[in-house]
Amino acid sequence: QVQLVESGGGSVQAGGSLRLSCAASGYTDSRNCMGWFRQAPGKPREWVATLNTRAGATGYADSVKGRFTISQDNAKNTVYLQMNSLKPEDTAMYYCAAGARPFSWGTCSWASSAYNYWGQGTQVTVSS
C-alpha cells in the first residue's frame, strides 16, 4: 500500500507560481513512478507530469512543458510540482499518483489507468 498526501494548492493570479507537494509513504517499489494529474470541472482527468524516482527520467504534457517542473526529495519521500507562469486554464484539482511501472527506456506512463494509488487532490485556481 502507498499513501499519498498533496498540499500546496491555492489561488493565484495569472503569471504567478505555486509549488505542490506530494508526501508519500508505504511500499517503496510502488513508488518507482510518480505522477501529477489534474482534472477541471466537466473535463476528464489529464496527465501533467511524471517522474521515475530511481532513474530521474521526467515527462511533461505539452500544455505545461517549460512552465512546470517535477522533482523529488528522497530524504522527505516527497515529490514536488513547481508551477510557474500559471494560466487560467491551469485551474483544476491536482492529484498525485503512484504505482505505475517504468517503461524499459526509463520514463513513466502518462495514462492515469497505469497508476494504482492516488492522493485526495489539492485545488489550484488561477485568475486572469
C-alpha atoms as a PDB file:
ATOM      1  CA  GLN A   1       0.000   0.000   0.000  1.00  0.00           C
ATOM      2  CA  VAL A   2       1.037   3.554  -0.698  1.00  0.00           C
ATOM      3  CA  GLN A   3      -0.366   6.662   0.930  1.00  0.00           C
ATOM      4  CA  LEU A   4      -0.154   9.999  -0.833  1.00  0.00           C
ATOM      5  CA  VAL A   5      -0.938  13.405   0.638  1.00  0.00           C
ATOM      6  CA  GLU A   6      -0.904  16.503  -1.552  1.00  0.00           C
ATOM      7  CA  SER A   7      -0.542  20.069  -0.364  1.00  0.00           C
ATOM      8  CA  GLY A   8       0.372  23.475  -1.700  1.00  0.00           C
ATOM      9  CA  GLY A   9      -2.642  24.354  -3.781  1.00  0.00           C
ATOM     10  CA  GLY A  10      -4.289  27.746  -3.640  1.00  0.00           C
ATOM     11  CA  SER A  11      -5.432  30.751  -5.589  1.00  0.00           C
ATOM     12  CA  VAL A  12      -3.024  32.812  -7.646  1.00  0.00           C
ATOM     13  CA  GLN A  13      -3.175  35.375 -10.422  1.00  0.00           C
ATOM     14  CA  ALA A  14      -2.122  34.546 -13.938  1.00  0.00           C
ATOM     15  CA  GLY A  15       1.637  34.623 -14.270  1.00  0.00           C
ATOM     16  CA  GLY A  16       2.138  33.553 -10.688  1.00  0.00           C
ATOM     17  CA  SER A  17       3.694  30.426  -9.241  1.00  0.00           C
ATOM     18  CA  LEU A  18       2.781  27.625  -6.879  1.00  0.00           C
ATOM     19  CA  ARG A  19       4.618  24.558  -5.644  1.00  0.00           C
ATOM     20  CA  LEU A  20       2.632  21.431  -4.965  1.00  0.00           C
ATOM     21  CA  SER A  21       3.946  18.730  -2.660  1.00  0.00           C
ATOM     22  CA  CYS A  22       3.099  15.048  -2.503  1.00  0.00           C
ATOM     23  CA  ALA A  23       4.230  13.267   0.644  1.00  0.00           C
ATOM     24  CA  ALA A  24       4.435   9.526   0.065  1.00  0.00           C
ATOM     25  CA  SER A  25       4.606   6.598   2.444  1.00  0.00           C
ATOM     26  CA  GLY A  26       4.301   2.855   2.108  1.00  0.00           C
ATOM     27  CA  TYR A  27       5.749   0.215  -0.201  1.00  0.00           C
ATOM     28  CA  THR A  28       8.699   1.824  -1.971  1.00  0.00           C
ATOM     29  CA  ASP A  29       8.626  -0.421  -5.031  1.00  0.00           C
ATOM     30  CA  SER A  30       5.209   1.012  -5.824  1.00  0.00           C
ATOM     31  CA  ARG A  31       6.708   4.492  -5.922  1.00  0.00           C
ATOM     32  CA  ASN A  32       9.104   3.950  -8.821  1.00  0.00           C
ATOM     33  CA  CYS A  33       6.836   6.093 -10.959  1.00  0.00           C
ATOM     34  CA  MET A  34       5.175   9.175  -9.518  1.00  0.00           C
ATOM     35  CA  GLY A  35       2.831  11.346 -11.479  1.00  0.00           C
ATOM     36  CA  TRP A  36       0.816  14.519 -11.307  1.00  0.00           C
ATOM     37  CA  PHE A  37      -2.568  14.666 -12.966  1.00  0.00           C
ATOM     38  CA  ARG A  38      -5.269  17.299 -12.962  1.00  0.00           C
ATOM     39  CA  GLN A  39      -8.991  17.486 -13.511  1.00  0.00           C
ATOM     40  CA  ALA A  40     -11.043  20.565 -14.223  1.00  0.00           C
ATOM     41  CA  PRO A  41     -14.825  20.589 -13.702  1.00  0.00           C
ATOM     42  CA  GLY A  42     -16.606  18.815 -16.535  1.00  0.00           C
ATOM     43  CA  LYS A  43     -13.372  17.582 -18.090  1.00  0.00           C
ATOM     44  CA  PRO A  44     -11.567  14.250 -17.946  1.00  0.00           C
ATOM     45  CA  ARG A  45      -8.503  13.768 -15.785  1.00  0.00           C
ATOM     46  CA  GLU A  46      -5.378  14.669 -17.720  1.00  0.00           C
ATOM     47  CA  TRP A  47      -1.719  13.911 -17.313  1.00  0.00           C
ATOM     48  CA  VAL A  48       0.583  16.746 -16.217  1.00  0.00           C
ATOM     49  CA  ALA A  49       4.000  15.276 -15.389  1.00  0.00           C
ATOM     50  CA  THR A  50       5.715  12.054 -14.379  1.00  0.00           C
ATOM     51  CA  LEU A  51       8.941  11.121 -12.671  1.00  0.00           C
ATOM     52  CA  ASN A  52      10.888   7.883 -12.495  1.00  0.00           C
ATOM     53  CA  THR A  53      12.094   8.243  -8.914  1.00  0.00           C
ATOM     54  CA  ARG A  54      15.032   5.884  -9.401  1.00  0.00           C
ATOM     55  CA  ALA A  55      16.279   6.888 -12.850  1.00  0.00           C
ATOM     56  CA  GLY A  56      15.238  10.526 -12.648  1.00  0.00           C
ATOM     57  CA  ALA A  57      13.528  10.478 -16.034  1.00  0.00           C
ATOM     58  CA  THR A  58      10.735  13.001 -16.374  1.00  0.00           C
ATOM     59  CA  GLY A  59       7.869  13.592 -18.768  1.00  0.00           C
ATOM     60  CA  TYR A  60       5.585  16.562 -19.282  1.00  0.00           C
ATOM     61  CA  ALA A  61       2.382  17.249 -21.096  1.00  0.00           C
ATOM     62  CA  ASP A  62       2.843  19.733 -23.935  1.00  0.00           C
ATOM     63  CA  SER A  63       0.497  22.155 -22.190  1.00  0.00           C
ATOM     64  CA  VAL A  64       2.868  22.562 -19.222  1.00  0.00           C
ATOM     65  CA  LYS A  65       6.274  21.913 -20.776  1.00  0.00           C
ATOM     66  CA  GLY A  66       8.682  24.717 -19.974  1.00  0.00           C
ATOM     67  CA  ARG A  67       6.478  26.042 -17.158  1.00  0.00           C
ATOM     68  CA  PHE A  68       6.153  23.118 -14.725  1.00  0.00           C
ATOM     69  CA  THR A  69       8.924  21.063 -13.149  1.00  0.00           C
ATOM     70  CA  ILE A  70       8.545  17.770 -11.303  1.00  0.00           C
ATOM     71  CA  SER A  71      11.209  16.887  -8.747  1.00  0.00           C
ATOM     72  CA  GLN A  72      11.769  14.847  -5.615  1.00  0.00           C
ATOM     73  CA  ASP A  73      13.359  14.992  -2.195  1.00  0.00           C
ATOM     74  CA  ASN A  74      14.222  11.416  -1.316  1.00  0.00           C
ATOM     75  CA  ALA A  75      15.010  12.270   2.300  1.00  0.00           C
ATOM     76  CA  LYS A  76      11.483  13.576   2.729  1.00  0.00           C
ATOM     77  CA  ASN A  77       9.789  10.988   0.492  1.00  0.00           C
ATOM     78  CA  THR A  78       8.189  13.909  -1.272  1.00  0.00           C
ATOM     79  CA  VAL A  79       7.583  14.736  -4.910  1.00  0.00           C
ATOM     80  CA  TYR A  80       7.052  18.324  -5.953  1.00  0.00           C
ATOM     81  CA  LEU A  81       5.431  20.093  -8.860  1.00  0.00           C
ATOM     82  CA  GLN A  82       6.787  23.592  -9.341  1.00  0.00           C
ATOM     83  CA  MET A  83       4.331  25.556 -11.437  1.00  0.00           C
ATOM     84  CA  ASN A  84       5.438  28.840 -12.971  1.00  0.00           C
ATOM     85  CA  SER A  85       3.774  31.239 -15.396  1.00  0.00           C
ATOM     86  CA  LEU A  86       0.394  29.903 -14.405  1.00  0.00           C
ATOM     87  CA  LYS A  87      -2.548  30.419 -16.725  1.00  0.00           C
ATOM     88  CA  PRO A  88      -6.298  30.383 -16.044  1.00  0.00           C
ATOM     89  CA  GLU A  89      -6.510  27.128 -17.992  1.00  0.00           C
ATOM     90  CA  ASP A  90      -4.288  25.516 -15.348  1.00  0.00           C
ATOM     91  CA  THR A  91      -7.186  25.785 -12.900  1.00  0.00           C
ATOM     92  CA  ALA A  92      -8.037  22.282 -11.718  1.00  0.00           C
ATOM     93  CA  MET A  93      -7.839  19.787  -8.903  1.00  0.00           C
ATOM     94  CA  TYR A  94      -4.330  18.381  -8.943  1.00  0.00           C
ATOM     95  CA  TYR A  95      -3.721  14.775  -7.947  1.00  0.00           C
ATOM     96  CA  CYS A  96      -0.553  12.904  -7.095  1.00  0.00           C
ATOM     97  CA  ALA A  97      -0.362   9.285  -8.221  1.00  0.00           C
ATOM     98  CA  ALA A  98       1.899   6.270  -7.760  1.00  0.00           C
ATOM     99  CA  GLY A  99       2.047   2.607  -8.646  1.00  0.00           C
ATOM    100  CA  ALA A 100       2.903   2.561 -12.331  1.00  0.00           C
ATOM    101  CA  ARG A 101       5.905   0.626 -13.587  1.00  0.00           C
ATOM    102  CA  PRO A 102       8.555   2.444 -15.636  1.00  0.00           C
ATOM    103  CA  PHE A 103       8.895   1.682 -19.316  1.00  0.00           C
ATOM    104  CA  SER A 104      12.055  -0.166 -20.318  1.00  0.00           C
ATOM    105  CA  TRP A 105      13.523   3.089 -21.632  1.00  0.00           C
ATOM    106  CA  GLY A 106      13.057   4.772 -18.264  1.00  0.00           C
ATOM    107  CA  THR A 107      10.109   7.104 -18.489  1.00  0.00           C
ATOM    108  CA  CYS A 108       6.759   6.558 -16.829  1.00  0.00           C
ATOM    109  CA  SER A 109       3.271   6.167 -18.207  1.00  0.00           C
ATOM    110  CA  TRP A 110       1.106   9.192 -18.852  1.00  0.00           C
ATOM    111  CA  ALA A 111      -2.061   7.092 -18.593  1.00  0.00           C
ATOM    112  CA  SER A 112      -3.992   7.526 -15.356  1.00  0.00           C
ATOM    113  CA  SER A 113      -5.109   3.883 -15.593  1.00  0.00           C
ATOM    114  CA  ALA A 114      -1.497   2.796 -15.024  1.00  0.00           C
ATOM    115  CA  TYR A 115      -1.465   4.262 -11.512  1.00  0.00           C
ATOM    116  CA  ASN A 116      -2.926   2.382  -8.570  1.00  0.00           C
ATOM    117  CA  TYR A 117      -2.578   4.920  -5.793  1.00  0.00           C
ATOM    118  CA  TRP A 118      -3.994   8.424  -5.658  1.00  0.00           C
ATOM    119  CA  GLY A 119      -3.988  11.289  -3.229  1.00  0.00           C
ATOM    120  CA  GLN A 120      -7.048  13.286  -2.262  1.00  0.00           C
ATOM    121  CA  GLY A 121      -6.127  16.210  -4.504  1.00  0.00           C
ATOM    122  CA  THR A 122      -5.288  19.854  -3.985  1.00  0.00           C
ATOM    123  CA  GLN A 123      -7.130  22.685  -5.714  1.00  0.00           C
ATOM    124  CA  VAL A 124      -5.309  25.203  -7.898  1.00  0.00           C
ATOM    125  CA  THR A 125      -7.209  28.258  -9.076  1.00  0.00           C
ATOM    126  CA  VAL A 126      -5.639  30.774 -11.440  1.00  0.00           C
ATOM    127  CA  SER A 127      -7.464  34.028 -12.048  1.00  0.00           C
ATOM    128  CA  SER A 128      -6.946  36.297 -15.030  1.00  0.00           C
END
